[in-house]
Amino acid sequence: MLVHSYIYYQMDSHVVSDDFWQVKADQLAELQAIHGTKFDFYDEAFADWDGSTGCHLPADEWVIRNAHRVLDYIADGEE
């Protein structure tokens, strides 16, 4: 969610379709409703997240680095 949201909102690109992202976002929101959000991994960012958008999700060094890795990997496969 973090990496793909960064790619979509900050890099103006995409790796997965909007429909696929929404299915996964809804699944994550459902799992959070059942199990909570205490995972010690971006807990605050997902505390009130309902899966409707990823535009507010954090973009720290880890997210940015991995977003670039994903896009580089895809670009390498297209050559």
N, C-alpha and C. Protein backbone atom coordinates (compact mmCIF):
# COMPACT_ATOMS: atom_id res chain seq x y z
N MET A 1 0.82 -1.18 0.00
CA MET A 1 0.00 0.00 0.00
C MET A 1 0.87 1.26 0.00
N LEU A 2 1.88 1.27 0.84
CA LEU A 2 2.74 2.45 0.95
C LEU A 2 3.49 2.72 -0.35
N VAL A 3 4.16 1.71 -0.86
CA VAL A 3 4.98 1.88 -2.05
C VAL A 3 4.11 2.20 -3.27
N HIS A 4 3.04 1.47 -3.44
CA HIS A 4 2.19 1.70 -4.61
C HIS A 4 1.46 3.04 -4.51
N SER A 5 1.11 3.46 -3.33
CA SER A 5 0.49 4.77 -3.17
C SER A 5 1.48 5.87 -3.52
N TYR A 6 2.73 5.71 -3.11
CA TYR A 6 3.75 6.70 -3.46
C TYR A 6 3.95 6.75 -4.97
N ILE A 7 4.04 5.60 -5.59
CA ILE A 7 4.22 5.55 -7.05
C ILE A 7 3.05 6.27 -7.73
N TYR A 8 1.85 6.03 -7.27
CA TYR A 8 0.66 6.59 -7.89
C TYR A 8 0.53 8.09 -7.65
N TYR A 9 0.63 8.50 -6.40
CA TYR A 9 0.37 9.91 -6.06
C TYR A 9 1.56 10.83 -6.22
N GLN A 10 2.77 10.33 -6.00
CA GLN A 10 3.94 11.20 -6.05
C GLN A 10 4.74 11.07 -7.35
N MET A 11 4.72 9.88 -7.93
CA MET A 11 5.50 9.66 -9.14
C MET A 11 4.63 9.66 -10.40
N ASP A 12 3.33 9.81 -10.22
CA ASP A 12 2.38 9.85 -11.32
C ASP A 12 2.53 8.66 -12.26
N SER A 13 2.62 7.49 -11.66
CA SER A 13 2.75 6.26 -12.41
C SER A 13 1.92 5.19 -11.70
N HIS A 14 1.94 3.99 -12.23
CA HIS A 14 1.24 2.89 -11.55
C HIS A 14 1.87 1.57 -11.94
N VAL A 15 1.70 0.62 -11.06
CA VAL A 15 2.23 -0.73 -11.28
C VAL A 15 1.07 -1.72 -11.33
N VAL A 16 0.06 -1.44 -10.55
CA VAL A 16 -1.14 -2.28 -10.53
C VAL A 16 -2.33 -1.41 -10.92
N SER A 17 -3.39 -2.05 -11.37
CA SER A 17 -4.58 -1.30 -11.75
C SER A 17 -5.26 -0.72 -10.52
N ASP A 18 -6.06 0.30 -10.73
CA ASP A 18 -6.82 0.89 -9.63
C ASP A 18 -7.74 -0.15 -9.00
N ASP A 19 -8.34 -0.99 -9.82
CA ASP A 19 -9.24 -2.03 -9.30
C ASP A 19 -8.51 -3.02 -8.41
N PHE A 20 -7.33 -3.46 -8.85
CA PHE A 20 -6.55 -4.41 -8.05
C PHE A 20 -6.13 -3.77 -6.73
N TRP A 21 -5.65 -2.52 -6.79
CA TRP A 21 -5.25 -1.82 -5.58
C TRP A 21 -6.43 -1.73 -4.62
N GLN A 22 -7.61 -1.40 -5.13
CA GLN A 22 -8.77 -1.25 -4.27
C GLN A 22 -9.17 -2.56 -3.61
N VAL A 23 -9.08 -3.65 -4.35
CA VAL A 23 -9.38 -4.97 -3.76
C VAL A 23 -8.43 -5.24 -2.60
N LYS A 24 -7.15 -5.00 -2.80
CA LYS A 24 -6.16 -5.24 -1.74
C LYS A 24 -6.34 -4.27 -0.58
N ALA A 25 -6.67 -3.01 -0.88
CA ALA A 25 -6.92 -2.03 0.18
C ALA A 25 -8.12 -2.44 1.02
N ASP A 26 -9.17 -2.89 0.37
CA ASP A 26 -10.36 -3.35 1.10
C ASP A 26 -10.05 -4.57 1.96
N GLN A 27 -9.26 -5.48 1.43
CA GLN A 27 -8.86 -6.66 2.20
C GLN A 27 -8.06 -6.26 3.43
N LEU A 28 -7.13 -5.34 3.26
CA LEU A 28 -6.32 -4.88 4.39
C LEU A 28 -7.19 -4.18 5.43
N ALA A 29 -8.09 -3.32 4.99
CA ALA A 29 -8.98 -2.62 5.92
C ALA A 29 -9.84 -3.62 6.70
N GLU A 30 -10.30 -4.66 6.02
CA GLU A 30 -11.09 -5.70 6.69
C GLU A 30 -10.25 -6.45 7.72
N LEU A 31 -9.03 -6.81 7.36
CA LEU A 31 -8.15 -7.48 8.31
C LEU A 31 -7.84 -6.61 9.51
N GLN A 32 -7.66 -5.31 9.28
CA GLN A 32 -7.40 -4.39 10.38
C GLN A 32 -8.62 -4.30 11.31
N ALA A 33 -9.80 -4.31 10.73
CA ALA A 33 -11.02 -4.25 11.55
C ALA A 33 -11.13 -5.49 12.44
N ILE A 34 -10.68 -6.60 11.93
CA ILE A 34 -10.76 -7.85 12.69
C ILE A 34 -9.63 -7.96 13.72
N HIS A 35 -8.41 -7.64 13.30
CA HIS A 35 -7.22 -7.91 14.12
C HIS A 35 -6.57 -6.67 14.73
N GLY A 36 -6.99 -5.49 14.35
CA GLY A 36 -6.38 -4.28 14.85
C GLY A 36 -5.20 -3.85 13.99
N THR A 37 -4.50 -2.82 14.44
CA THR A 37 -3.40 -2.27 13.64
C THR A 37 -2.10 -2.17 14.42
N LYS A 38 -1.94 -2.91 15.46
CA LYS A 38 -0.71 -2.85 16.25
C LYS A 38 0.30 -3.87 15.73
N PHE A 39 1.10 -3.42 14.75
CA PHE A 39 2.10 -4.30 14.14
C PHE A 39 3.51 -3.74 14.26
N ASP A 40 3.64 -2.55 14.86
CA ASP A 40 4.94 -1.87 14.96
C ASP A 40 5.54 -1.58 13.59
N PHE A 41 4.70 -1.35 12.62
CA PHE A 41 5.13 -1.05 11.26
C PHE A 41 4.11 -0.09 10.66
N TYR A 42 4.38 1.21 10.78
CA TYR A 42 3.49 2.25 10.27
C TYR A 42 2.11 2.20 10.94
N ASP A 43 2.08 1.87 12.22
CA ASP A 43 0.80 1.77 12.95
C ASP A 43 -0.01 3.06 12.88
N GLU A 44 0.64 4.19 13.08
CA GLU A 44 -0.10 5.46 13.10
C GLU A 44 -0.70 5.78 11.73
N ALA A 45 0.01 5.47 10.67
CA ALA A 45 -0.47 5.78 9.32
C ALA A 45 -1.73 4.99 8.98
N PHE A 46 -1.83 3.80 9.54
CA PHE A 46 -2.96 2.94 9.22
C PHE A 46 -4.01 2.89 10.33
N ALA A 47 -3.84 3.67 11.38
CA ALA A 47 -4.74 3.60 12.54
C ALA A 47 -6.20 3.82 12.18
N ASP A 48 -6.50 4.82 11.39
CA ASP A 48 -7.89 5.10 11.01
C ASP A 48 -8.13 4.88 9.53
N TRP A 49 -7.28 4.13 8.91
CA TRP A 49 -7.35 3.93 7.46
C TRP A 49 -8.52 3.02 7.10
N ASP A 50 -9.30 3.44 6.12
CA ASP A 50 -10.45 2.64 5.71
C ASP A 50 -10.28 2.03 4.32
N GLY A 51 -9.14 2.26 3.69
CA GLY A 51 -8.87 1.69 2.38
C GLY A 51 -9.39 2.51 1.21
N SER A 52 -10.00 3.66 1.48
CA SER A 52 -10.58 4.44 0.40
C SER A 52 -9.54 5.19 -0.44
N THR A 53 -8.40 5.51 0.15
CA THR A 53 -7.34 6.21 -0.59
C THR A 53 -6.00 5.99 0.10
N GLY A 54 -4.96 6.16 -0.68
CA GLY A 54 -3.62 6.06 -0.12
C GLY A 54 -2.87 7.37 -0.19
N CYS A 55 -3.59 8.45 -0.53
CA CYS A 55 -2.91 9.73 -0.76
C CYS A 55 -2.24 10.29 0.49
N HIS A 56 -2.70 9.92 1.67
CA HIS A 56 -2.13 10.47 2.90
C HIS A 56 -1.08 9.56 3.54
N LEU A 57 -0.82 8.41 2.94
CA LEU A 57 0.13 7.47 3.54
C LEU A 57 1.54 8.05 3.51
N PRO A 58 2.37 7.72 4.49
CA PRO A 58 3.69 8.32 4.60
C PRO A 58 4.64 7.90 3.48
N ALA A 59 5.56 8.79 3.19
CA ALA A 59 6.58 8.52 2.17
C ALA A 59 7.94 8.82 2.78
N ASP A 60 8.43 7.89 3.55
CA ASP A 60 9.75 8.04 4.14
C ASP A 60 10.80 7.44 3.21
N GLU A 61 12.03 7.40 3.68
CA GLU A 61 13.13 6.90 2.86
C GLU A 61 12.89 5.47 2.37
N TRP A 62 12.36 4.61 3.24
CA TRP A 62 12.10 3.22 2.86
C TRP A 62 11.08 3.14 1.73
N VAL A 63 10.00 3.89 1.84
CA VAL A 63 8.94 3.89 0.83
C VAL A 63 9.50 4.41 -0.50
N ILE A 64 10.18 5.53 -0.47
CA ILE A 64 10.71 6.14 -1.69
C ILE A 64 11.71 5.21 -2.38
N ARG A 65 12.63 4.66 -1.60
CA ARG A 65 13.64 3.75 -2.15
C ARG A 65 12.99 2.55 -2.83
N ASN A 66 11.99 1.97 -2.18
CA ASN A 66 11.34 0.80 -2.76
C ASN A 66 10.44 1.14 -3.94
N ALA A 67 9.86 2.31 -3.95
CA ALA A 67 9.08 2.74 -5.11
C ALA A 67 9.98 2.83 -6.34
N HIS A 68 11.16 3.41 -6.16
CA HIS A 68 12.10 3.51 -7.28
C HIS A 68 12.59 2.13 -7.71
N ARG A 69 12.80 1.25 -6.76
CA ARG A 69 13.23 -0.12 -7.10
C ARG A 69 12.17 -0.83 -7.94
N VAL A 70 10.92 -0.69 -7.56
CA VAL A 70 9.83 -1.33 -8.30
C VAL A 70 9.78 -0.80 -9.73
N LEU A 71 9.80 0.52 -9.87
CA LEU A 71 9.75 1.09 -11.23
C LEU A 71 10.99 0.75 -12.05
N ASP A 72 12.16 0.72 -11.41
CA ASP A 72 13.38 0.31 -12.12
C ASP A 72 13.29 -1.14 -12.58
N TYR A 73 12.76 -1.99 -11.73
CA TYR A 73 12.60 -3.41 -12.07
C TYR A 73 11.69 -3.57 -13.28
N ILE A 74 10.59 -2.84 -13.28
CA ILE A 74 9.66 -2.91 -14.41
C ILE A 74 10.31 -2.37 -15.68
N ALA A 75 11.03 -1.26 -15.56
CA ALA A 75 11.70 -0.69 -16.73
C ALA A 75 12.74 -1.64 -17.29
N ASP A 76 13.47 -2.33 -16.43
CA ASP A 76 14.47 -3.29 -16.88
C ASP A 76 13.82 -4.45 -17.64
N GLY A 77 12.63 -4.84 -17.22
CA GLY A 77 11.92 -5.93 -17.88
C GLY A 77 11.35 -5.55 -19.23
N GLU A 78 11.19 -4.25 -19.46
CA GLU A 78 10.64 -3.78 -20.74
C GLU A 78 11.71 -3.59 -21.80
N GLU A 79 12.96 -3.66 -21.41
CA GLU A 79 14.05 -3.44 -22.38
C GLU A 79 14.29 -4.65 -23.21
